[in-house]
Amino acid sequence: MSKDNKSVIEEFRQAVNMTPEELEAWLDTHESQSVGQKDGNDESIGHKSGRRIIELLEKKFV
């Protein structure tokens, strides 16, 4: 059985324990940029995921 969009969005927001601003500040640190698995370029996979999470947190869902 699949969940409705509202439930998925609520669970996502509960699981993410940082605001977009806090996450962006973390991603700008040397520590966050110096760790993680790279996939052929300079940015780690997790760092890309962090940027995507910021986009989702800032998105207005109706």
N, C-alpha and C. Protein backbone atom coordinates (compact mmCIF):
# COMPACT_ATOMS: atom_id res chain seq x y z
N MET A 1 0.84 -1.17 0.00
CA MET A 1 0.00 0.00 0.00
C MET A 1 0.89 1.23 0.00
N SER A 2 0.59 2.18 -0.84
CA SER A 2 1.42 3.38 -0.91
C SER A 2 0.85 4.47 0.00
N LYS A 3 1.74 5.33 0.44
CA LYS A 3 1.34 6.43 1.30
C LYS A 3 0.92 7.62 0.45
N ASP A 4 0.07 8.45 1.02
CA ASP A 4 -0.31 9.66 0.29
C ASP A 4 0.81 10.69 0.41
N ASN A 5 0.82 11.63 -0.49
CA ASN A 5 1.89 12.63 -0.55
C ASN A 5 2.05 13.39 0.76
N LYS A 6 0.94 13.74 1.40
CA LYS A 6 1.01 14.50 2.64
C LYS A 6 1.77 13.73 3.72
N SER A 7 1.54 12.43 3.82
CA SER A 7 2.23 11.60 4.80
C SER A 7 3.73 11.52 4.51
N VAL A 8 4.07 11.37 3.24
CA VAL A 8 5.48 11.28 2.85
C VAL A 8 6.20 12.59 3.17
N ILE A 9 5.58 13.71 2.85
CA ILE A 9 6.18 15.01 3.12
C ILE A 9 6.36 15.21 4.61
N GLU A 10 5.36 14.85 5.40
CA GLU A 10 5.45 14.99 6.86
C GLU A 10 6.58 14.13 7.44
N GLU A 11 6.69 12.90 6.97
CA GLU A 11 7.77 12.01 7.44
C GLU A 11 9.14 12.56 7.06
N PHE A 12 9.26 13.09 5.86
CA PHE A 12 10.52 13.67 5.41
C PHE A 12 10.93 14.84 6.31
N ARG A 13 9.99 15.73 6.57
CA ARG A 13 10.30 16.90 7.40
C ARG A 13 10.65 16.50 8.83
N GLN A 14 10.07 15.42 9.33
CA GLN A 14 10.40 14.93 10.67
C GLN A 14 11.79 14.28 10.69
N ALA A 15 12.16 13.64 9.60
CA ALA A 15 13.44 12.93 9.54
C ALA A 15 14.62 13.87 9.38
N VAL A 16 14.44 14.98 8.70
CA VAL A 16 15.52 15.94 8.48
C VAL A 16 15.61 16.84 9.71
N ASN A 17 16.74 16.80 10.40
CA ASN A 17 16.86 17.49 11.67
C ASN A 17 17.59 18.83 11.58
N MET A 18 17.66 19.40 10.38
CA MET A 18 18.29 20.71 10.20
C MET A 18 17.39 21.57 9.32
N THR A 19 17.47 22.87 9.53
CA THR A 19 16.77 23.80 8.66
C THR A 19 17.57 23.92 7.36
N PRO A 20 16.96 24.45 6.31
CA PRO A 20 17.74 24.66 5.08
C PRO A 20 18.97 25.52 5.31
N GLU A 21 18.85 26.53 6.16
CA GLU A 21 19.97 27.42 6.44
C GLU A 21 21.09 26.69 7.18
N GLU A 22 20.72 25.87 8.15
CA GLU A 22 21.72 25.10 8.89
C GLU A 22 22.44 24.11 7.99
N LEU A 23 21.67 23.44 7.14
CA LEU A 23 22.26 22.45 6.24
C LEU A 23 23.18 23.13 5.23
N GLU A 24 22.76 24.26 4.71
CA GLU A 24 23.60 24.99 3.75
C GLU A 24 24.91 25.45 4.41
N ALA A 25 24.82 25.92 5.65
CA ALA A 25 26.03 26.33 6.37
C ALA A 25 26.95 25.13 6.57
N TRP A 26 26.41 23.97 6.89
CA TRP A 26 27.22 22.77 7.06
C TRP A 26 27.89 22.38 5.75
N LEU A 27 27.14 22.43 4.65
CA LEU A 27 27.69 22.04 3.36
C LEU A 27 28.83 22.97 2.93
N ASP A 28 28.85 24.18 3.45
CA ASP A 28 29.91 25.14 3.12
C ASP A 28 31.18 24.92 3.94
N THR A 29 31.14 24.05 4.95
CA THR A 29 32.31 23.84 5.80
C THR A 29 33.34 22.94 5.11
N HIS A 30 34.58 23.11 5.52
CA HIS A 30 35.67 22.26 5.02
C HIS A 30 35.41 20.80 5.38
N GLU A 31 34.88 20.58 6.59
CA GLU A 31 34.62 19.21 7.04
C GLU A 31 33.66 18.48 6.10
N SER A 32 32.59 19.13 5.71
CA SER A 32 31.61 18.46 4.86
C SER A 32 32.17 18.23 3.45
N GLN A 33 33.04 19.11 3.00
CA GLN A 33 33.58 18.99 1.65
C GLN A 33 34.75 18.03 1.56
N SER A 34 35.28 17.63 2.72
CA SER A 34 36.47 16.77 2.70
C SER A 34 36.15 15.29 2.91
N VAL A 35 34.89 14.95 3.05
CA VAL A 35 34.52 13.55 3.28
C VAL A 35 33.52 13.08 2.24
N GLY A 36 33.34 11.79 2.18
CA GLY A 36 32.31 11.21 1.30
C GLY A 36 32.88 10.59 0.06
N GLN A 37 32.06 9.74 -0.52
CA GLN A 37 32.44 9.03 -1.74
C GLN A 37 32.24 9.93 -2.95
N LYS A 38 33.26 10.03 -3.76
CA LYS A 38 33.20 10.85 -4.98
C LYS A 38 32.78 9.95 -6.15
N ASP A 39 32.07 10.53 -7.09
CA ASP A 39 31.65 9.75 -8.27
C ASP A 39 32.29 10.28 -9.55
N GLY A 40 33.54 10.66 -9.45
CA GLY A 40 34.26 11.11 -10.64
C GLY A 40 34.45 12.60 -10.74
N ASN A 41 33.80 13.36 -9.88
CA ASN A 41 34.05 14.80 -9.90
C ASN A 41 34.42 15.26 -8.49
N ASP A 42 34.46 16.55 -8.26
CA ASP A 42 34.95 17.08 -6.99
C ASP A 42 33.94 17.00 -5.85
N GLU A 43 32.68 16.81 -6.15
CA GLU A 43 31.65 16.82 -5.12
C GLU A 43 31.24 15.40 -4.75
N SER A 44 31.12 15.14 -3.44
CA SER A 44 30.74 13.80 -3.00
C SER A 44 29.25 13.56 -3.26
N ILE A 45 28.90 12.31 -3.29
CA ILE A 45 27.51 11.92 -3.51
C ILE A 45 26.62 12.46 -2.39
N GLY A 46 27.09 12.35 -1.15
CA GLY A 46 26.32 12.85 -0.01
C GLY A 46 26.15 14.35 -0.04
N HIS A 47 27.16 15.06 -0.54
CA HIS A 47 27.09 16.52 -0.64
C HIS A 47 26.01 16.90 -1.64
N LYS A 48 25.94 16.19 -2.74
CA LYS A 48 24.88 16.43 -3.73
C LYS A 48 23.51 16.17 -3.11
N SER A 49 23.42 15.10 -2.32
CA SER A 49 22.16 14.78 -1.65
C SER A 49 21.76 15.90 -0.70
N GLY A 50 22.73 16.46 0.01
CA GLY A 50 22.45 17.57 0.92
C GLY A 50 21.88 18.77 0.19
N ARG A 51 22.43 19.07 -0.97
CA ARG A 51 21.90 20.20 -1.76
C ARG A 51 20.47 19.91 -2.22
N ARG A 52 20.20 18.66 -2.58
CA ARG A 52 18.85 18.28 -3.00
C ARG A 52 17.87 18.36 -1.82
N ILE A 53 18.31 17.99 -0.64
CA ILE A 53 17.46 18.08 0.55
C ILE A 53 17.10 19.54 0.82
N ILE A 54 18.05 20.44 0.64
CA ILE A 54 17.76 21.87 0.80
C ILE A 54 16.66 22.29 -0.16
N GLU A 55 16.77 21.87 -1.42
CA GLU A 55 15.73 22.20 -2.41
C GLU A 55 14.37 21.70 -1.96
N LEU A 56 14.32 20.48 -1.46
CA LEU A 56 13.04 19.90 -1.03
C LEU A 56 12.48 20.62 0.19
N LEU A 57 13.35 20.98 1.13
CA LEU A 57 12.89 21.68 2.33
C LEU A 57 12.33 23.06 1.98
N GLU A 58 12.89 23.69 0.97
CA GLU A 58 12.45 25.03 0.58
C GLU A 58 11.21 25.03 -0.32
N LYS A 59 10.88 23.86 -0.83
CA LYS A 59 9.76 23.74 -1.75
C LYS A 59 8.43 23.90 -1.02
N LYS A 60 7.53 24.62 -1.61
CA LYS A 60 6.19 24.80 -1.05
C LYS A 60 5.26 23.73 -1.64
N PHE A 61 4.79 22.85 -0.77
CA PHE A 61 3.88 21.81 -1.21
C PHE A 61 2.46 22.23 -0.91
N VAL A 62 1.59 22.03 -1.87
CA VAL A 62 0.18 22.41 -1.71
C VAL A 62 -0.65 21.20 -1.36
